[in-house]
Amino acid sequence: NDTATTEIYTGEDTLSLHDALRSDNSDEIEERTWQLLKVGGKFDYRTSGAISEALSEMGVDDSQALQDAIDSGDYEQLGRKLISMACEYMEGHAKEVAEFEIND
């Protein structure tokens, strides 16, 4: 059987084998993700590099929100938005690494 198409039937729900294996490790993945995100960790979102990476990946909505903060002169709002974007970006990468470390 190809693992990409293997399915597990649980009542009315159907899960792929990959999804079923992932769900078994969700607590461990979450814990490892937060370890990677801690201050000074590999994915510390408080660094200028994290902010720069997040900006390079931002979409239209993020771009507009940043432009609105700049136009309003609300630099506190701008700072909060930048940190929020960096946190979300780094959290996604940390979770991918945690999943890889634990599931593979």
N, C-alpha and C. Protein backbone atom coordinates (compact mmCIF):
# COMPACT_ATOMS: atom_id res chain seq x y z
N ASN A 1 0.82 -1.20 0.00
CA ASN A 1 0.00 0.00 0.00
C ASN A 1 0.86 1.26 0.00
N ASP A 2 0.45 2.22 -0.73
CA ASP A 2 1.10 3.53 -0.72
C ASP A 2 0.62 4.29 0.51
N THR A 3 1.56 4.73 1.37
CA THR A 3 1.16 5.39 2.61
C THR A 3 0.42 6.69 2.38
N ALA A 4 0.63 7.31 1.21
CA ALA A 4 -0.07 8.56 0.93
C ALA A 4 -1.56 8.32 0.72
N THR A 5 -1.92 7.10 0.32
CA THR A 5 -3.33 6.84 0.07
C THR A 5 -3.95 5.90 1.10
N THR A 6 -3.15 5.42 2.05
CA THR A 6 -3.69 4.54 3.09
C THR A 6 -4.63 5.34 3.97
N GLU A 7 -5.80 4.79 4.23
CA GLU A 7 -6.79 5.50 5.02
C GLU A 7 -7.17 4.69 6.25
N ILE A 8 -7.51 5.38 7.30
CA ILE A 8 -8.00 4.75 8.52
C ILE A 8 -9.42 5.23 8.72
N TYR A 9 -10.33 4.29 8.92
CA TYR A 9 -11.73 4.64 9.09
C TYR A 9 -12.06 4.64 10.58
N THR A 10 -12.59 5.75 11.04
CA THR A 10 -12.96 5.89 12.45
C THR A 10 -14.39 6.39 12.49
N GLY A 11 -15.31 5.47 12.51
CA GLY A 11 -16.72 5.87 12.49
C GLY A 11 -17.04 6.56 11.19
N GLU A 12 -17.51 7.78 11.27
CA GLU A 12 -17.87 8.53 10.07
C GLU A 12 -16.69 9.26 9.46
N ASP A 13 -15.60 9.41 10.22
CA ASP A 13 -14.44 10.16 9.75
C ASP A 13 -13.42 9.24 9.09
N THR A 14 -12.71 9.77 8.13
CA THR A 14 -11.64 9.05 7.47
C THR A 14 -10.37 9.88 7.61
N LEU A 15 -9.30 9.25 8.09
CA LEU A 15 -8.01 9.93 8.23
C LEU A 15 -6.99 9.24 7.36
N SER A 16 -6.07 10.01 6.78
CA SER A 16 -4.94 9.37 6.12
C SER A 16 -4.04 8.83 7.21
N LEU A 17 -3.22 7.85 6.87
CA LEU A 17 -2.29 7.29 7.85
C LEU A 17 -1.36 8.37 8.36
N HIS A 18 -0.92 9.23 7.47
CA HIS A 18 -0.01 10.33 7.85
C HIS A 18 -0.67 11.24 8.89
N ASP A 19 -1.94 11.60 8.67
CA ASP A 19 -2.66 12.46 9.62
C ASP A 19 -2.88 11.76 10.95
N ALA A 20 -3.18 10.48 10.89
CA ALA A 20 -3.40 9.72 12.13
C ALA A 20 -2.13 9.66 12.96
N LEU A 21 -1.01 9.43 12.32
CA LEU A 21 0.26 9.38 13.05
C LEU A 21 0.61 10.73 13.64
N ARG A 22 0.32 11.79 12.90
CA ARG A 22 0.59 13.14 13.40
C ARG A 22 -0.23 13.45 14.65
N SER A 23 -1.49 13.07 14.65
CA SER A 23 -2.36 13.43 15.76
C SER A 23 -1.91 12.74 17.04
N ASP A 24 -1.29 11.57 16.94
CA ASP A 24 -0.80 10.86 18.12
C ASP A 24 0.33 11.62 18.82
N ASN A 25 1.06 12.43 18.08
CA ASN A 25 2.21 13.14 18.61
C ASN A 25 1.96 14.63 18.81
N SER A 26 0.72 15.06 18.77
CA SER A 26 0.44 16.50 18.77
C SER A 26 0.95 17.22 20.01
N ASP A 27 0.83 16.61 21.18
CA ASP A 27 1.33 17.27 22.40
C ASP A 27 2.84 17.41 22.36
N GLU A 28 3.51 16.37 21.91
CA GLU A 28 4.97 16.40 21.83
C GLU A 28 5.43 17.43 20.80
N ILE A 29 4.72 17.53 19.68
CA ILE A 29 5.06 18.51 18.65
C ILE A 29 4.86 19.92 19.18
N GLU A 30 3.75 20.14 19.87
CA GLU A 30 3.49 21.47 20.43
C GLU A 30 4.58 21.86 21.43
N GLU A 31 4.95 20.93 22.30
CA GLU A 31 6.00 21.23 23.29
C GLU A 31 7.32 21.56 22.60
N ARG A 32 7.68 20.78 21.59
CA ARG A 32 8.93 21.02 20.87
C ARG A 32 8.87 22.34 20.11
N THR A 33 7.73 22.67 19.55
CA THR A 33 7.58 23.95 18.84
C THR A 33 7.88 25.10 19.78
N TRP A 34 7.33 25.08 20.99
CA TRP A 34 7.55 26.17 21.94
C TRP A 34 8.99 26.20 22.43
N GLN A 35 9.66 25.04 22.50
CA GLN A 35 11.09 25.03 22.84
C GLN A 35 11.90 25.75 21.78
N LEU A 36 11.55 25.52 20.53
CA LEU A 36 12.26 26.16 19.42
C LEU A 36 12.00 27.66 19.37
N LEU A 37 10.84 28.11 19.86
CA LEU A 37 10.47 29.53 19.82
C LEU A 37 10.98 30.34 21.00
N LYS A 38 11.48 29.70 22.04
CA LYS A 38 11.87 30.43 23.24
C LYS A 38 12.93 31.49 22.94
N VAL A 39 13.02 32.47 23.81
CA VAL A 39 13.98 33.56 23.65
C VAL A 39 15.37 32.97 23.50
N GLY A 40 16.04 33.38 22.45
CA GLY A 40 17.38 32.88 22.17
C GLY A 40 17.39 31.56 21.43
N GLY A 41 16.20 30.98 21.20
CA GLY A 41 16.09 29.71 20.49
C GLY A 41 16.28 29.89 18.99
N LYS A 42 16.27 28.77 18.30
CA LYS A 42 16.50 28.77 16.85
C LYS A 42 15.49 29.64 16.10
N PHE A 43 14.26 29.71 16.60
CA PHE A 43 13.21 30.46 15.92
C PHE A 43 12.68 31.62 16.78
N ASP A 44 13.56 32.28 17.51
CA ASP A 44 13.18 33.44 18.33
C ASP A 44 12.64 34.53 17.41
N TYR A 45 11.36 34.85 17.57
CA TYR A 45 10.72 35.81 16.66
C TYR A 45 11.08 37.26 16.98
N ARG A 46 11.82 37.49 18.04
CA ARG A 46 12.15 38.85 18.46
C ARG A 46 13.39 39.41 17.76
N THR A 47 13.96 38.66 16.84
CA THR A 47 15.19 39.09 16.17
C THR A 47 14.87 39.87 14.89
N SER A 48 15.82 40.68 14.47
CA SER A 48 15.63 41.43 13.23
C SER A 48 15.56 40.48 12.04
N GLY A 49 16.27 39.35 12.11
CA GLY A 49 16.21 38.37 11.03
C GLY A 49 14.82 37.78 10.88
N ALA A 50 14.17 37.50 12.00
CA ALA A 50 12.82 36.94 11.96
C ALA A 50 11.86 37.94 11.35
N ILE A 51 11.98 39.20 11.75
CA ILE A 51 11.11 40.25 11.20
C ILE A 51 11.35 40.40 9.71
N SER A 52 12.61 40.38 9.31
CA SER A 52 12.96 40.51 7.89
C SER A 52 12.38 39.35 7.07
N GLU A 53 12.50 38.12 7.60
CA GLU A 53 11.95 36.96 6.89
C GLU A 53 10.43 37.06 6.79
N ALA A 54 9.79 37.49 7.87
CA ALA A 54 8.34 37.62 7.85
C ALA A 54 7.90 38.66 6.82
N LEU A 55 8.63 39.77 6.75
CA LEU A 55 8.29 40.81 5.78
C LEU A 55 8.45 40.31 4.35
N SER A 56 9.45 39.47 4.13
CA SER A 56 9.67 38.97 2.77
C SER A 56 8.55 38.02 2.32
N GLU A 57 7.81 37.46 3.28
CA GLU A 57 6.74 36.52 2.97
C GLU A 57 5.33 37.12 3.11
N MET A 58 5.24 38.39 3.46
CA MET A 58 3.92 38.95 3.77
C MET A 58 3.03 39.05 2.55
N GLY A 59 1.75 38.93 2.84
CA GLY A 59 0.74 39.01 1.79
C GLY A 59 0.17 40.41 1.69
N VAL A 60 -0.82 40.55 0.86
CA VAL A 60 -1.45 41.85 0.60
C VAL A 60 -2.08 42.43 1.87
N ASP A 61 -2.76 41.59 2.66
CA ASP A 61 -3.41 42.08 3.87
C ASP A 61 -2.40 42.62 4.87
N ASP A 62 -1.29 41.89 5.06
CA ASP A 62 -0.24 42.36 5.97
C ASP A 62 0.38 43.65 5.46
N SER A 63 0.61 43.69 4.17
CA SER A 63 1.19 44.89 3.56
C SER A 63 0.30 46.10 3.78
N GLN A 64 -1.00 45.93 3.59
CA GLN A 64 -1.94 47.02 3.78
C GLN A 64 -2.00 47.45 5.24
N ALA A 65 -1.99 46.48 6.17
CA ALA A 65 -2.02 46.81 7.60
C ALA A 65 -0.78 47.60 8.00
N LEU A 66 0.38 47.23 7.47
CA LEU A 66 1.60 47.98 7.77
C LEU A 66 1.53 49.38 7.17
N GLN A 67 1.05 49.48 5.95
CA GLN A 67 0.94 50.80 5.31
C GLN A 67 -0.03 51.70 6.06
N ASP A 68 -1.14 51.14 6.54
CA ASP A 68 -2.10 51.91 7.33
C ASP A 68 -1.46 52.43 8.61
N ALA A 69 -0.66 51.59 9.28
CA ALA A 69 0.02 52.02 10.52
C ALA A 69 1.03 53.11 10.23
N ILE A 70 1.76 52.99 9.13
CA ILE A 70 2.73 54.02 8.74
C ILE A 70 2.01 55.33 8.44
N ASP A 71 0.94 55.24 7.64
CA ASP A 71 0.19 56.44 7.26
C ASP A 71 -0.42 57.15 8.46
N SER A 72 -0.84 56.39 9.46
CA SER A 72 -1.47 56.99 10.63
C SER A 72 -0.43 57.56 11.61
N GLY A 73 0.82 57.16 11.42
CA GLY A 73 1.86 57.62 12.36
C GLY A 73 1.82 56.86 13.68
N ASP A 74 1.05 55.80 13.74
CA ASP A 74 0.93 55.00 14.95
C ASP A 74 2.04 53.95 14.95
N TYR A 75 3.21 54.35 15.44
CA TYR A 75 4.36 53.46 15.39
C TYR A 75 4.28 52.34 16.41
N GLU A 76 3.48 52.52 17.45
CA GLU A 76 3.25 51.42 18.39
C GLU A 76 2.48 50.31 17.68
N GLN A 77 1.44 50.69 16.93
CA GLN A 77 0.66 49.72 16.16
C GLN A 77 1.56 49.04 15.12
N LEU A 78 2.41 49.81 14.48
CA LEU A 78 3.33 49.26 13.49
C LEU A 78 4.25 48.22 14.13
N GLY A 79 4.80 48.55 15.28
CA GLY A 79 5.67 47.62 15.99
C GLY A 79 4.96 46.35 16.39
N ARG A 80 3.73 46.49 16.90
CA ARG A 80 2.94 45.31 17.27
C ARG A 80 2.68 44.42 16.07
N LYS A 81 2.36 45.03 14.93
CA LYS A 81 2.07 44.27 13.72
C LYS A 81 3.33 43.54 13.24
N LEU A 82 4.47 44.20 13.28
CA LEU A 82 5.71 43.56 12.86
C LEU A 82 6.06 42.36 13.74
N ILE A 83 5.93 42.53 15.05
CA ILE A 83 6.22 41.44 15.97
C ILE A 83 5.22 40.30 15.78
N SER A 84 3.96 40.63 15.59
CA SER A 84 2.94 39.61 15.36
C SER A 84 3.24 38.80 14.10
N MET A 85 3.62 39.48 13.04
CA MET A 85 3.95 38.80 11.79
C MET A 85 5.16 37.90 11.97
N ALA A 86 6.18 38.40 12.65
CA ALA A 86 7.40 37.61 12.87
C ALA A 86 7.10 36.38 13.72
N CYS A 87 6.27 36.55 14.74
CA CYS A 87 5.91 35.44 15.62
C CYS A 87 5.17 34.35 14.83
N GLU A 88 4.19 34.76 14.05
CA GLU A 88 3.41 33.81 13.26
C GLU A 88 4.30 33.08 12.26
N TYR A 89 5.18 33.83 11.61
CA TYR A 89 6.08 33.24 10.61
C TYR A 89 7.02 32.22 11.26
N MET A 90 7.65 32.61 12.36
CA MET A 90 8.60 31.72 13.03
C MET A 90 7.89 30.53 13.67
N GLU A 91 6.68 30.72 14.17
CA GLU A 91 5.94 29.62 14.75
C GLU A 91 5.66 28.55 13.70
N GLY A 92 5.31 28.99 12.50
CA GLY A 92 5.07 28.04 11.42
C GLY A 92 6.31 27.22 11.09
N HIS A 93 7.45 27.89 11.02
CA HIS A 93 8.70 27.18 10.73
C HIS A 93 9.09 26.26 11.88
N ALA A 94 8.94 26.72 13.11
CA ALA A 94 9.28 25.89 14.27
C ALA A 94 8.40 24.64 14.31
N LYS A 95 7.13 24.80 13.98
CA LYS A 95 6.22 23.65 13.99
C LYS A 95 6.62 22.64 12.93
N GLU A 96 7.00 23.11 11.75
CA GLU A 96 7.46 22.21 10.69
C GLU A 96 8.67 21.42 11.14
N VAL A 97 9.63 22.09 11.77
CA VAL A 97 10.84 21.42 12.26
C VAL A 97 10.48 20.41 13.34
N ALA A 98 9.61 20.81 14.28
CA ALA A 98 9.19 19.91 15.35
C ALA A 98 8.50 18.66 14.79
N GLU A 99 7.62 18.85 13.83
CA GLU A 99 6.93 17.71 13.21
C GLU A 99 7.93 16.78 12.53
N PHE A 100 8.89 17.36 11.84
CA PHE A 100 9.91 16.55 11.16
C PHE A 100 10.74 15.76 12.18
N GLU A 101 11.18 16.44 13.24
CA GLU A 101 11.99 15.78 14.26
C GLU A 101 11.25 14.63 14.93
N ILE A 102 9.97 14.82 15.19
CA ILE A 102 9.21 13.84 15.98
C ILE A 102 8.62 12.74 15.10
N ASN A 103 8.13 13.08 13.93
CA ASN A 103 7.46 12.10 13.08
C ASN A 103 8.38 11.33 12.16
N ASP A 104 9.56 11.84 11.91
CA ASP A 104 10.45 11.14 10.96
C ASP A 104 11.62 10.50 11.64
